[in-house]
Amino acid sequence: WIRDSMAGIGTMTYYDPEDGSFGALGHGITDSDTGILMPFASGSLLPSAVKAVKKGASGEAGELRGDFDLTGDLGDLSANTSSGIFGTLDPGEFTERLGDAIPVASAGEVHTGPAAILANVEGDAVREYDIEILQIVEDAADSRDLVIAVTDPELLSITGGIVQGMSGSPILQNGRLVGAVTHVLVNDPTRGYGIFAQTMLEQAHSVSGTDAAA
């Protein structure tokens, strides 16, 4: 199967100010017909704004709908992997607005209980919403390390839970980056899965050929 191009809305999970690298989605971009990872010659990260939300319901996944800003790229993609997409951001006004870096938790430091996600579900504003980490999945191999549930009343009223486009939303616990949202349970959109931040960083360093650090 050959695709001339592919585009969609997702969420950037992290940016490392030390080397300019970023990770997003927490899962790969796959061909809609074959389900396999899409090879690519080049790719770009573009800013977007959420214009509308299709609310999730049991048996039907919701989605964020919005527009891309085609006036300029924020950075370039270098890898599409099962743990996310990775690349480098160009320094500028966007990276200056990202704020201070926060520490990353190792997989062993993540625990069940209250947590939060950073999500953009309206315009280009990023807000923090409450979630619960329900389960740590041992030896997960498909970006489903964490079972999570959305508990924030405001987010539930807007999206119904987890919707397409929220993949990559950072998961925070005790002031540290612990993971990213990756999937929704179609029969219960308030629940879904997440990947460890450590897994994403290890994959990013693997494709870049550098040593990983938690």
N, C-alpha and C. Protein backbone atom coordinates (compact mmCIF):
# COMPACT_ATOMS: atom_id res chain seq x y z
N TRP A 1 0.85 -1.19 0.00
CA TRP A 1 0.00 0.00 0.00
C TRP A 1 0.89 1.24 0.00
N ILE A 2 0.51 2.22 -0.81
CA ILE A 2 1.29 3.45 -0.90
C ILE A 2 0.40 4.63 -0.60
N ARG A 3 0.87 5.51 0.28
CA ARG A 3 0.17 6.74 0.60
C ARG A 3 1.06 7.91 0.20
N ASP A 4 0.51 8.84 -0.55
CA ASP A 4 1.30 10.03 -0.91
C ASP A 4 1.53 10.92 0.30
N SER A 5 0.53 10.99 1.17
CA SER A 5 0.67 11.81 2.37
C SER A 5 -0.36 11.37 3.40
N MET A 6 -0.12 11.79 4.64
CA MET A 6 -1.02 11.45 5.73
C MET A 6 -0.91 12.56 6.77
N ALA A 7 -2.03 12.96 7.34
CA ALA A 7 -2.01 14.03 8.34
C ALA A 7 -3.12 13.80 9.35
N GLY A 8 -2.93 14.34 10.55
CA GLY A 8 -3.95 14.22 11.57
C GLY A 8 -3.57 15.02 12.80
N ILE A 9 -4.54 15.15 13.71
CA ILE A 9 -4.31 15.88 14.95
C ILE A 9 -3.95 14.90 16.06
N GLY A 10 -2.87 15.20 16.74
CA GLY A 10 -2.45 14.43 17.91
C GLY A 10 -1.80 15.39 18.89
N THR A 11 -1.20 14.85 19.93
CA THR A 11 -0.64 15.69 20.98
C THR A 11 0.84 15.42 21.17
N MET A 12 1.62 16.50 21.23
CA MET A 12 3.04 16.39 21.54
C MET A 12 3.19 16.12 23.04
N THR A 13 3.92 15.07 23.39
CA THR A 13 4.05 14.65 24.78
C THR A 13 5.13 15.42 25.52
N TYR A 14 6.31 15.52 24.92
CA TYR A 14 7.40 16.19 25.62
C TYR A 14 8.33 16.88 24.63
N TYR A 15 9.07 17.83 25.17
CA TYR A 15 10.14 18.52 24.45
C TYR A 15 11.33 18.59 25.39
N ASP A 16 12.50 18.18 24.92
CA ASP A 16 13.71 18.21 25.72
C ASP A 16 14.52 19.45 25.33
N PRO A 17 14.57 20.46 26.21
CA PRO A 17 15.27 21.70 25.84
C PRO A 17 16.78 21.52 25.68
N GLU A 18 17.33 20.42 26.20
CA GLU A 18 18.77 20.22 26.10
C GLU A 18 19.20 19.87 24.68
N ASP A 19 18.40 19.06 23.98
CA ASP A 19 18.80 18.67 22.63
C ASP A 19 17.76 19.02 21.55
N GLY A 20 16.65 19.63 21.96
CA GLY A 20 15.63 20.05 21.00
C GLY A 20 14.74 18.94 20.49
N SER A 21 14.83 17.75 21.09
CA SER A 21 14.03 16.62 20.60
C SER A 21 12.62 16.65 21.19
N PHE A 22 11.69 16.00 20.48
CA PHE A 22 10.33 15.88 20.99
C PHE A 22 9.82 14.47 20.73
N GLY A 23 8.79 14.10 21.50
CA GLY A 23 8.07 12.85 21.29
C GLY A 23 6.58 13.14 21.32
N ALA A 24 5.81 12.39 20.55
CA ALA A 24 4.37 12.63 20.48
C ALA A 24 3.60 11.33 20.29
N LEU A 25 2.32 11.39 20.55
CA LEU A 25 1.33 10.32 20.33
C LEU A 25 1.44 9.14 21.30
N GLY A 26 2.64 8.63 21.54
CA GLY A 26 2.78 7.46 22.40
C GLY A 26 2.50 6.15 21.68
N HIS A 27 2.10 6.23 20.42
CA HIS A 27 1.93 5.05 19.57
C HIS A 27 2.30 5.46 18.16
N GLY A 28 2.44 4.50 17.28
CA GLY A 28 2.85 4.81 15.92
C GLY A 28 1.71 5.25 15.04
N ILE A 29 2.07 5.84 13.89
CA ILE A 29 1.09 6.15 12.85
C ILE A 29 1.05 4.95 11.92
N THR A 30 -0.10 4.31 11.85
CA THR A 30 -0.23 3.08 11.07
C THR A 30 -1.14 3.27 9.86
N ASP A 31 -0.94 2.43 8.87
CA ASP A 31 -1.81 2.45 7.69
C ASP A 31 -3.21 2.00 8.09
N SER A 32 -4.21 2.75 7.65
CA SER A 32 -5.58 2.44 8.06
C SER A 32 -6.10 1.13 7.50
N ASP A 33 -5.50 0.64 6.41
CA ASP A 33 -5.94 -0.61 5.80
C ASP A 33 -5.19 -1.83 6.33
N THR A 34 -3.87 -1.67 6.50
CA THR A 34 -3.05 -2.83 6.88
C THR A 34 -2.72 -2.87 8.37
N GLY A 35 -2.79 -1.72 9.04
CA GLY A 35 -2.47 -1.68 10.46
C GLY A 35 -0.98 -1.67 10.76
N ILE A 36 -0.12 -1.63 9.74
CA ILE A 36 1.31 -1.63 9.97
C ILE A 36 1.84 -0.21 10.02
N LEU A 37 3.01 -0.04 10.66
CA LEU A 37 3.61 1.28 10.78
C LEU A 37 3.89 1.87 9.40
N MET A 38 3.58 3.15 9.26
CA MET A 38 3.79 3.83 7.98
C MET A 38 5.27 4.22 7.83
N PRO A 39 5.94 3.75 6.79
CA PRO A 39 7.27 4.30 6.49
C PRO A 39 7.08 5.70 5.90
N PHE A 40 8.07 6.58 6.08
CA PHE A 40 7.90 7.91 5.51
C PHE A 40 9.25 8.46 5.06
N ALA A 41 9.18 9.33 4.06
CA ALA A 41 10.38 9.99 3.56
C ALA A 41 10.66 11.26 4.34
N SER A 42 9.59 11.97 4.73
CA SER A 42 9.74 13.20 5.50
C SER A 42 8.43 13.50 6.20
N GLY A 43 8.52 14.32 7.24
CA GLY A 43 7.32 14.69 7.97
C GLY A 43 7.56 15.94 8.78
N SER A 44 6.49 16.64 9.10
CA SER A 44 6.59 17.89 9.83
C SER A 44 5.60 17.95 10.98
N LEU A 45 5.95 18.71 12.01
CA LEU A 45 5.06 18.99 13.11
C LEU A 45 4.50 20.39 12.90
N LEU A 46 3.17 20.50 12.89
CA LEU A 46 2.51 21.77 12.64
C LEU A 46 1.64 22.16 13.83
N PRO A 47 1.52 23.46 14.10
CA PRO A 47 0.58 23.88 15.15
C PRO A 47 -0.85 23.68 14.68
N SER A 48 -1.75 23.44 15.62
CA SER A 48 -3.16 23.27 15.28
C SER A 48 -4.02 23.87 16.37
N ALA A 49 -5.27 24.12 16.06
CA ALA A 49 -6.24 24.63 17.02
C ALA A 49 -7.48 23.77 16.96
N VAL A 50 -8.00 23.38 18.13
CA VAL A 50 -9.20 22.55 18.20
C VAL A 50 -10.43 23.43 18.02
N LYS A 51 -11.23 23.10 17.01
CA LYS A 51 -12.42 23.89 16.70
C LYS A 51 -13.71 23.25 17.22
N ALA A 52 -13.71 21.94 17.34
CA ALA A 52 -14.92 21.24 17.79
C ALA A 52 -14.53 19.90 18.38
N VAL A 53 -15.41 19.34 19.18
CA VAL A 53 -15.19 18.03 19.80
C VAL A 53 -16.38 17.13 19.51
N LYS A 54 -16.09 15.96 18.97
CA LYS A 54 -17.12 14.92 18.87
C LYS A 54 -17.00 14.09 20.14
N LYS A 55 -17.99 14.17 20.99
CA LYS A 55 -17.95 13.54 22.30
C LYS A 55 -17.98 12.02 22.18
N GLY A 56 -17.16 11.35 22.97
CA GLY A 56 -17.12 9.90 22.96
C GLY A 56 -18.32 9.31 23.68
N ALA A 57 -18.75 8.16 23.19
CA ALA A 57 -19.86 7.43 23.82
C ALA A 57 -19.56 5.95 23.73
N SER A 58 -20.26 5.15 24.51
CA SER A 58 -20.03 3.70 24.49
C SER A 58 -20.24 3.15 23.09
N GLY A 59 -19.21 2.49 22.55
CA GLY A 59 -19.29 1.91 21.23
C GLY A 59 -18.91 2.84 20.10
N GLU A 60 -18.62 4.10 20.41
CA GLU A 60 -18.28 5.07 19.37
C GLU A 60 -17.23 6.04 19.90
N ALA A 61 -16.02 5.97 19.32
CA ALA A 61 -14.94 6.84 19.77
C ALA A 61 -15.20 8.28 19.36
N GLY A 62 -14.89 9.21 20.25
CA GLY A 62 -15.00 10.62 19.93
C GLY A 62 -13.72 11.11 19.27
N GLU A 63 -13.68 12.40 18.92
CA GLU A 63 -12.48 12.94 18.30
C GLU A 63 -12.42 14.45 18.45
N LEU A 64 -11.19 14.97 18.41
CA LEU A 64 -10.96 16.40 18.35
C LEU A 64 -10.91 16.79 16.88
N ARG A 65 -11.58 17.89 16.53
CA ARG A 65 -11.57 18.38 15.16
C ARG A 65 -11.00 19.79 15.15
N GLY A 66 -10.12 20.04 14.20
CA GLY A 66 -9.50 21.35 14.18
C GLY A 66 -8.80 21.65 12.88
N ASP A 67 -8.02 22.72 12.89
CA ASP A 67 -7.32 23.19 11.71
C ASP A 67 -5.82 23.20 11.95
N PHE A 68 -5.06 22.93 10.89
CA PHE A 68 -3.61 23.06 10.93
C PHE A 68 -3.22 24.48 10.53
N ASP A 69 -2.14 24.96 11.11
CA ASP A 69 -1.53 26.21 10.66
C ASP A 69 -0.45 25.84 9.65
N LEU A 70 -0.71 26.09 8.38
CA LEU A 70 0.20 25.68 7.32
C LEU A 70 1.24 26.73 6.98
N THR A 71 1.30 27.81 7.77
CA THR A 71 2.22 28.89 7.45
C THR A 71 3.67 28.57 7.82
N GLY A 72 3.88 27.58 8.66
CA GLY A 72 5.25 27.24 9.01
C GLY A 72 5.33 26.00 9.87
N ASP A 73 6.39 25.22 9.67
CA ASP A 73 6.61 24.02 10.46
C ASP A 73 7.23 24.37 11.80
N LEU A 74 6.84 23.60 12.84
CA LEU A 74 7.50 23.74 14.14
C LEU A 74 8.76 22.89 14.21
N GLY A 75 8.80 21.84 13.43
CA GLY A 75 9.95 20.94 13.45
C GLY A 75 9.76 19.78 12.52
N ASP A 76 10.74 18.90 12.51
CA ASP A 76 10.75 17.78 11.57
C ASP A 76 10.63 16.45 12.29
N LEU A 77 9.88 15.51 11.69
CA LEU A 77 9.80 14.14 12.19
C LEU A 77 11.01 13.35 11.69
N SER A 78 11.52 12.48 12.55
CA SER A 78 12.64 11.64 12.13
C SER A 78 12.34 10.16 12.29
N ALA A 79 11.31 9.80 13.07
CA ALA A 79 11.03 8.38 13.29
C ALA A 79 9.56 8.17 13.62
N ASN A 80 9.00 7.10 13.08
CA ASN A 80 7.64 6.65 13.39
C ASN A 80 7.78 5.25 13.97
N THR A 81 7.51 5.10 15.28
CA THR A 81 7.74 3.83 15.96
C THR A 81 6.48 3.40 16.70
N SER A 82 6.49 2.19 17.22
CA SER A 82 5.35 1.69 17.98
C SER A 82 5.16 2.43 19.30
N SER A 83 6.19 3.19 19.74
CA SER A 83 6.10 3.93 21.00
C SER A 83 5.88 5.42 20.79
N GLY A 84 5.66 5.83 19.54
CA GLY A 84 5.41 7.23 19.28
C GLY A 84 6.19 7.74 18.08
N ILE A 85 5.95 9.00 17.76
CA ILE A 85 6.71 9.64 16.70
C ILE A 85 7.70 10.61 17.34
N PHE A 86 8.86 10.76 16.71
CA PHE A 86 9.94 11.53 17.32
C PHE A 86 10.59 12.43 16.28
N GLY A 87 11.18 13.51 16.75
CA GLY A 87 11.84 14.44 15.86
C GLY A 87 12.49 15.56 16.62
N THR A 88 12.71 16.68 15.93
CA THR A 88 13.39 17.82 16.51
C THR A 88 12.61 19.09 16.23
N LEU A 89 12.46 19.92 17.25
CA LEU A 89 11.78 21.20 17.10
C LEU A 89 12.77 22.30 16.78
N ASP A 90 12.34 23.24 15.96
CA ASP A 90 13.17 24.41 15.68
C ASP A 90 13.03 25.40 16.84
N PRO A 91 14.14 25.90 17.39
CA PRO A 91 14.03 26.88 18.48
C PRO A 91 13.35 28.15 18.00
N GLY A 92 12.53 28.74 18.86
CA GLY A 92 11.80 29.94 18.47
C GLY A 92 10.75 30.28 19.48
N GLU A 93 9.75 31.06 19.04
CA GLU A 93 8.71 31.52 19.95
C GLU A 93 7.95 30.37 20.57
N PHE A 94 7.69 29.31 19.79
CA PHE A 94 6.92 28.17 20.32
C PHE A 94 7.67 27.48 21.46
N THR A 95 8.95 27.17 21.25
CA THR A 95 9.71 26.47 22.29
C THR A 95 9.91 27.35 23.52
N GLU A 96 9.98 28.66 23.33
CA GLU A 96 10.14 29.57 24.46
C GLU A 96 8.91 29.59 25.34
N ARG A 97 7.74 29.27 24.77
CA ARG A 97 6.48 29.30 25.52
C ARG A 97 6.22 28.00 26.28
N LEU A 98 7.08 27.01 26.13
CA LEU A 98 6.80 25.70 26.72
C LEU A 98 7.07 25.65 28.22
N GLY A 99 7.74 26.64 28.77
CA GLY A 99 7.95 26.67 30.21
C GLY A 99 9.12 25.83 30.67
N ASP A 100 9.23 25.69 31.99
CA ASP A 100 10.35 24.98 32.58
C ASP A 100 10.21 23.47 32.42
N ALA A 101 11.34 22.80 32.29
CA ALA A 101 11.35 21.33 32.20
C ALA A 101 10.99 20.73 33.54
N ILE A 102 10.37 19.54 33.51
CA ILE A 102 10.05 18.81 34.74
C ILE A 102 10.74 17.45 34.69
N PRO A 103 10.98 16.83 35.86
CA PRO A 103 11.65 15.53 35.87
C PRO A 103 10.77 14.43 35.32
N VAL A 104 11.41 13.36 34.85
CA VAL A 104 10.72 12.18 34.32
C VAL A 104 10.81 11.06 35.34
N ALA A 105 9.70 10.40 35.60
CA ALA A 105 9.69 9.26 36.52
C ALA A 105 10.08 7.99 35.77
N SER A 106 10.85 7.14 36.40
CA SER A 106 11.12 5.82 35.82
C SER A 106 9.86 4.98 35.94
N ALA A 107 9.78 3.92 35.16
CA ALA A 107 8.60 3.06 35.18
C ALA A 107 8.33 2.52 36.59
N GLY A 108 9.38 2.22 37.33
CA GLY A 108 9.23 1.66 38.67
C GLY A 108 8.70 2.64 39.68
N GLU A 109 8.74 3.93 39.36
CA GLU A 109 8.26 4.95 40.29
C GLU A 109 6.79 5.30 40.07
N VAL A 110 6.21 4.81 39.00
CA VAL A 110 4.80 5.10 38.72
C VAL A 110 3.92 4.16 39.55
N HIS A 111 2.85 4.68 40.11
CA HIS A 111 1.99 3.86 40.95
C HIS A 111 0.53 4.17 40.67
N THR A 112 -0.34 3.26 41.09
CA THR A 112 -1.77 3.50 40.95
C THR A 112 -2.20 4.63 41.87
N GLY A 113 -3.29 5.30 41.47
CA GLY A 113 -3.78 6.40 42.29
C GLY A 113 -3.97 7.66 41.47
N PRO A 114 -4.21 8.79 42.14
CA PRO A 114 -4.49 10.04 41.44
C PRO A 114 -3.32 10.50 40.56
N ALA A 115 -3.68 11.10 39.44
CA ALA A 115 -2.70 11.65 38.51
C ALA A 115 -3.41 12.74 37.72
N ALA A 116 -2.75 13.26 36.71
CA ALA A 116 -3.36 14.31 35.88
C ALA A 116 -2.85 14.17 34.45
N ILE A 117 -3.61 14.71 33.51
CA ILE A 117 -3.13 14.80 32.14
C ILE A 117 -3.17 16.27 31.72
N LEU A 118 -2.29 16.61 30.79
CA LEU A 118 -2.33 17.92 30.15
C LEU A 118 -2.95 17.71 28.78
N ALA A 119 -4.06 18.40 28.50
CA ALA A 119 -4.78 18.18 27.25
C ALA A 119 -5.24 19.50 26.65
N ASN A 120 -5.34 19.51 25.34
CA ASN A 120 -5.83 20.64 24.57
C ASN A 120 -7.13 20.22 23.90
N VAL A 121 -8.26 20.67 24.42
CA VAL A 121 -9.56 20.28 23.87
C VAL A 121 -10.36 21.49 23.39
N GLU A 122 -9.75 22.67 23.42
CA GLU A 122 -10.42 23.88 22.92
C GLU A 122 -9.36 24.88 22.50
N GLY A 123 -9.47 25.38 21.26
CA GLY A 123 -8.49 26.35 20.77
C GLY A 123 -7.09 25.77 20.81
N ASP A 124 -6.16 26.55 21.35
CA ASP A 124 -4.80 26.04 21.51
C ASP A 124 -4.36 26.07 22.97
N ALA A 125 -5.35 26.14 23.89
CA ALA A 125 -5.05 26.21 25.32
C ALA A 125 -4.84 24.81 25.89
N VAL A 126 -3.81 24.64 26.68
CA VAL A 126 -3.52 23.38 27.36
C VAL A 126 -3.95 23.50 28.81
N ARG A 127 -4.78 22.55 29.26
CA ARG A 127 -5.28 22.56 30.64
C ARG A 127 -4.93 21.24 31.32
N GLU A 128 -4.89 21.28 32.64
CA GLU A 128 -4.64 20.08 33.43
C GLU A 128 -5.96 19.51 33.92
N TYR A 129 -6.13 18.17 33.75
CA TYR A 129 -7.36 17.50 34.16
C TYR A 129 -7.02 16.28 35.01
N ASP A 130 -7.90 15.98 35.96
CA ASP A 130 -7.67 14.87 36.89
C ASP A 130 -7.98 13.52 36.23
N ILE A 131 -7.12 12.55 36.50
CA ILE A 131 -7.36 11.17 36.10
C ILE A 131 -6.96 10.25 37.25
N GLU A 132 -7.19 8.97 37.09
CA GLU A 132 -6.77 7.95 38.05
C GLU A 132 -6.00 6.88 37.28
N ILE A 133 -4.83 6.52 37.79
CA ILE A 133 -4.12 5.37 37.24
C ILE A 133 -4.65 4.13 37.95
N LEU A 134 -5.37 3.29 37.20
CA LEU A 134 -6.05 2.14 37.80
C LEU A 134 -5.16 0.92 37.90
N GLN A 135 -4.24 0.75 36.95
CA GLN A 135 -3.44 -0.47 36.91
C GLN A 135 -2.14 -0.24 36.18
N ILE A 136 -1.08 -0.87 36.66
CA ILE A 136 0.19 -0.94 35.96
C ILE A 136 0.26 -2.29 35.27
N VAL A 137 0.39 -2.31 33.96
CA VAL A 137 0.39 -3.56 33.20
C VAL A 137 1.81 -4.06 33.06
N GLU A 138 2.09 -5.24 33.58
CA GLU A 138 3.44 -5.80 33.52
C GLU A 138 3.75 -6.29 32.11
N ASP A 139 4.97 -6.00 31.66
CA ASP A 139 5.49 -6.50 30.38
C ASP A 139 4.59 -6.17 29.19
N ALA A 140 3.96 -5.00 29.21
CA ALA A 140 3.14 -4.58 28.07
C ALA A 140 4.06 -4.28 26.89
N ALA A 141 3.65 -4.69 25.71
CA ALA A 141 4.50 -4.52 24.53
C ALA A 141 3.82 -3.71 23.44
N ASP A 142 2.70 -3.07 23.76
CA ASP A 142 1.94 -2.39 22.71
C ASP A 142 1.47 -1.01 23.14
N SER A 143 2.30 -0.28 23.88
CA SER A 143 2.01 1.07 24.38
C SER A 143 0.79 1.10 25.29
N ARG A 144 0.55 0.00 26.02
CA ARG A 144 -0.54 -0.06 26.99
C ARG A 144 0.02 -0.44 28.36
N ASP A 145 0.96 0.39 28.86
CA ASP A 145 1.59 0.13 30.16
C ASP A 145 0.67 0.47 31.32
N LEU A 146 -0.23 1.43 31.11
CA LEU A 146 -1.07 1.93 32.19
C LEU A 146 -2.55 1.85 31.79
N VAL A 147 -3.38 1.48 32.74
CA VAL A 147 -4.83 1.59 32.57
C VAL A 147 -5.26 2.83 33.35
N ILE A 148 -5.94 3.76 32.66
CA ILE A 148 -6.29 5.03 33.29
C ILE A 148 -7.78 5.29 33.16
N ALA A 149 -8.27 6.18 34.02
CA ALA A 149 -9.68 6.60 33.97
C ALA A 149 -9.74 8.10 34.15
N VAL A 150 -10.52 8.77 33.31
CA VAL A 150 -10.73 10.21 33.46
C VAL A 150 -11.74 10.44 34.58
N THR A 151 -11.38 11.28 35.55
CA THR A 151 -12.27 11.57 36.68
C THR A 151 -12.68 13.03 36.73
N ASP A 152 -12.07 13.86 35.90
CA ASP A 152 -12.32 15.29 35.94
C ASP A 152 -13.70 15.61 35.36
N PRO A 153 -14.62 16.20 36.15
CA PRO A 153 -15.99 16.47 35.66
C PRO A 153 -16.00 17.38 34.43
N GLU A 154 -15.10 18.37 34.38
CA GLU A 154 -15.10 19.30 33.25
C GLU A 154 -14.70 18.59 31.96
N LEU A 155 -13.65 17.78 32.02
CA LEU A 155 -13.23 17.06 30.82
C LEU A 155 -14.29 16.06 30.38
N LEU A 156 -14.91 15.39 31.33
CA LEU A 156 -15.97 14.43 30.99
C LEU A 156 -17.15 15.13 30.30
N SER A 157 -17.45 16.35 30.72
CA SER A 157 -18.57 17.07 30.11
C SER A 157 -18.23 17.53 28.71
N ILE A 158 -16.95 17.79 28.43
CA ILE A 158 -16.54 18.29 27.12
C ILE A 158 -16.34 17.14 26.12
N THR A 159 -15.62 16.10 26.54
CA THR A 159 -15.21 15.05 25.61
C THR A 159 -15.85 13.70 25.90
N GLY A 160 -16.38 13.50 27.09
CA GLY A 160 -16.88 12.19 27.48
C GLY A 160 -15.78 11.27 27.96
N GLY A 161 -14.55 11.76 27.99
CA GLY A 161 -13.41 10.95 28.41
C GLY A 161 -12.24 11.15 27.48
N ILE A 162 -11.72 10.04 26.95
CA ILE A 162 -10.58 10.07 26.04
C ILE A 162 -11.10 10.00 24.60
N VAL A 163 -10.62 10.89 23.75
CA VAL A 163 -11.05 10.90 22.36
C VAL A 163 -9.84 10.93 21.44
N GLN A 164 -10.05 10.60 20.17
CA GLN A 164 -8.98 10.65 19.19
C GLN A 164 -8.45 12.08 19.08
N GLY A 165 -7.14 12.20 19.06
CA GLY A 165 -6.50 13.51 19.07
C GLY A 165 -5.85 13.80 20.41
N MET A 166 -6.31 13.08 21.46
CA MET A 166 -5.68 13.23 22.77
C MET A 166 -4.49 12.29 22.95
N SER A 167 -4.26 11.41 21.99
CA SER A 167 -3.09 10.52 22.08
C SER A 167 -1.83 11.35 22.22
N GLY A 168 -1.02 11.02 23.20
CA GLY A 168 0.19 11.76 23.47
C GLY A 168 0.06 12.73 24.63
N SER A 169 -1.17 12.96 25.10
CA SER A 169 -1.36 13.88 26.23
C SER A 169 -0.51 13.43 27.42
N PRO A 170 0.35 14.31 27.94
CA PRO A 170 1.23 13.92 29.04
C PRO A 170 0.46 13.52 30.29
N ILE A 171 0.93 12.48 30.96
CA ILE A 171 0.39 12.05 32.24
C ILE A 171 1.38 12.47 33.32
N LEU A 172 0.91 13.22 34.32
CA LEU A 172 1.74 13.71 35.40
C LEU A 172 1.31 13.07 36.72
N GLN A 173 2.31 12.79 37.55
CA GLN A 173 2.03 12.27 38.89
C GLN A 173 3.13 12.75 39.83
N ASN A 174 2.73 13.37 40.93
CA ASN A 174 3.70 13.89 41.90
C ASN A 174 4.73 14.82 41.26
N GLY A 175 4.26 15.67 40.34
CA GLY A 175 5.13 16.66 39.75
C GLY A 175 6.11 16.14 38.71
N ARG A 176 5.91 14.90 38.26
CA ARG A 176 6.82 14.32 37.28
C ARG A 176 6.04 13.80 36.07
N LEU A 177 6.72 13.75 34.94
CA LEU A 177 6.14 13.16 33.73
C LEU A 177 6.26 11.65 33.85
N VAL A 178 5.12 10.95 33.85
CA VAL A 178 5.16 9.50 34.02
C VAL A 178 4.74 8.75 32.77
N GLY A 179 4.03 9.42 31.84
CA GLY A 179 3.58 8.69 30.66
C GLY A 179 2.79 9.57 29.72
N ALA A 180 2.07 8.91 28.81
CA ALA A 180 1.24 9.60 27.83
C ALA A 180 0.02 8.75 27.51
N VAL A 181 -1.09 9.40 27.27
CA VAL A 181 -2.33 8.72 26.86
C VAL A 181 -2.13 8.12 25.46
N THR A 182 -2.59 6.89 25.25
CA THR A 182 -2.41 6.25 23.94
C THR A 182 -3.69 5.71 23.32
N HIS A 183 -4.59 5.15 24.11
CA HIS A 183 -5.77 4.50 23.55
C HIS A 183 -6.99 4.75 24.43
N VAL A 184 -8.16 4.59 23.86
CA VAL A 184 -9.42 4.66 24.61
C VAL A 184 -10.11 3.30 24.53
N LEU A 185 -10.82 2.94 25.58
CA LEU A 185 -11.66 1.76 25.54
C LEU A 185 -12.97 2.15 24.85
N VAL A 186 -13.23 1.59 23.68
CA VAL A 186 -14.37 2.04 22.88
C VAL A 186 -15.69 1.81 23.62
N ASN A 187 -15.77 0.76 24.44
CA ASN A 187 -17.02 0.50 25.15
C ASN A 187 -17.14 1.32 26.44
N ASP A 188 -16.08 2.07 26.79
CA ASP A 188 -16.12 2.94 27.96
C ASP A 188 -15.12 4.07 27.75
N PRO A 189 -15.54 5.17 27.11
CA PRO A 189 -14.60 6.24 26.76
C PRO A 189 -14.00 6.96 27.96
N THR A 190 -14.51 6.72 29.17
CA THR A 190 -13.89 7.34 30.33
C THR A 190 -12.58 6.65 30.69
N ARG A 191 -12.34 5.47 30.10
CA ARG A 191 -11.13 4.71 30.42
C ARG A 191 -10.27 4.49 29.17
N GLY A 192 -9.01 4.24 29.43
CA GLY A 192 -8.10 4.01 28.32
C GLY A 192 -6.75 3.53 28.80
N TYR A 193 -5.76 3.69 27.94
CA TYR A 193 -4.41 3.19 28.23
C TYR A 193 -3.39 4.31 28.08
N GLY A 194 -2.25 4.08 28.69
CA GLY A 194 -1.13 5.01 28.55
C GLY A 194 0.17 4.24 28.46
N ILE A 195 1.20 4.92 27.96
CA ILE A 195 2.54 4.36 27.84
C ILE A 195 3.45 5.06 28.85
N PHE A 196 4.43 4.34 29.38
CA PHE A 196 5.41 4.96 30.27
C PHE A 196 6.22 6.02 29.52
N ALA A 197 6.51 7.13 30.16
CA ALA A 197 7.42 8.12 29.58
C ALA A 197 8.79 7.51 29.37
N GLN A 198 9.22 6.65 30.29
CA GLN A 198 10.52 6.00 30.15
C GLN A 198 10.59 5.19 28.86
N THR A 199 9.49 4.51 28.51
CA THR A 199 9.46 3.71 27.28
C THR A 199 9.62 4.61 26.06
N MET A 200 8.93 5.76 26.06
CA MET A 200 9.05 6.68 24.94
C MET A 200 10.47 7.22 24.82
N LEU A 201 11.07 7.59 25.94
CA LEU A 201 12.43 8.14 25.91
C LEU A 201 13.45 7.11 25.46
N GLU A 202 13.28 5.87 25.92
CA GLU A 202 14.20 4.81 25.49
C GLU A 202 14.09 4.59 23.99
N GLN A 203 12.87 4.63 23.46
CA GLN A 203 12.68 4.46 22.02
C GLN A 203 13.27 5.64 21.26
N ALA A 204 13.08 6.84 21.79
CA ALA A 204 13.62 8.04 21.13
C ALA A 204 15.14 7.98 21.05
N HIS A 205 15.78 7.58 22.15
CA HIS A 205 17.23 7.49 22.14
C HIS A 205 17.72 6.33 21.29
N SER A 206 16.90 5.29 21.18
CA SER A 206 17.28 4.15 20.35
C SER A 206 17.34 4.54 18.89
N VAL A 207 16.34 5.32 18.43
CA VAL A 207 16.32 5.69 17.01
C VAL A 207 17.31 6.79 16.71
N SER A 208 17.73 7.55 17.76
CA SER A 208 18.69 8.62 17.53
C SER A 208 20.13 8.16 17.74
N GLY A 209 20.26 6.96 18.37
CA GLY A 209 21.60 6.42 18.59
C GLY A 209 22.32 6.98 19.79
N THR A 210 21.57 7.65 20.72
CA THR A 210 22.19 8.20 21.92
C THR A 210 21.78 7.37 23.13
N ASP A 211 22.44 7.60 24.27
CA ASP A 211 22.14 6.88 25.49
C ASP A 211 20.88 7.44 26.13
N ALA A 212 20.05 6.55 26.68
CA ALA A 212 18.82 6.99 27.34
C ALA A 212 19.11 7.35 28.77
N ALA A 213 18.35 8.34 29.26
CA ALA A 213 18.44 8.73 30.67
C ALA A 213 17.04 8.98 31.19
N ALA A 214 16.73 8.42 32.34
CA ALA A 214 15.39 8.59 32.91
C ALA A 214 15.26 9.99 33.49
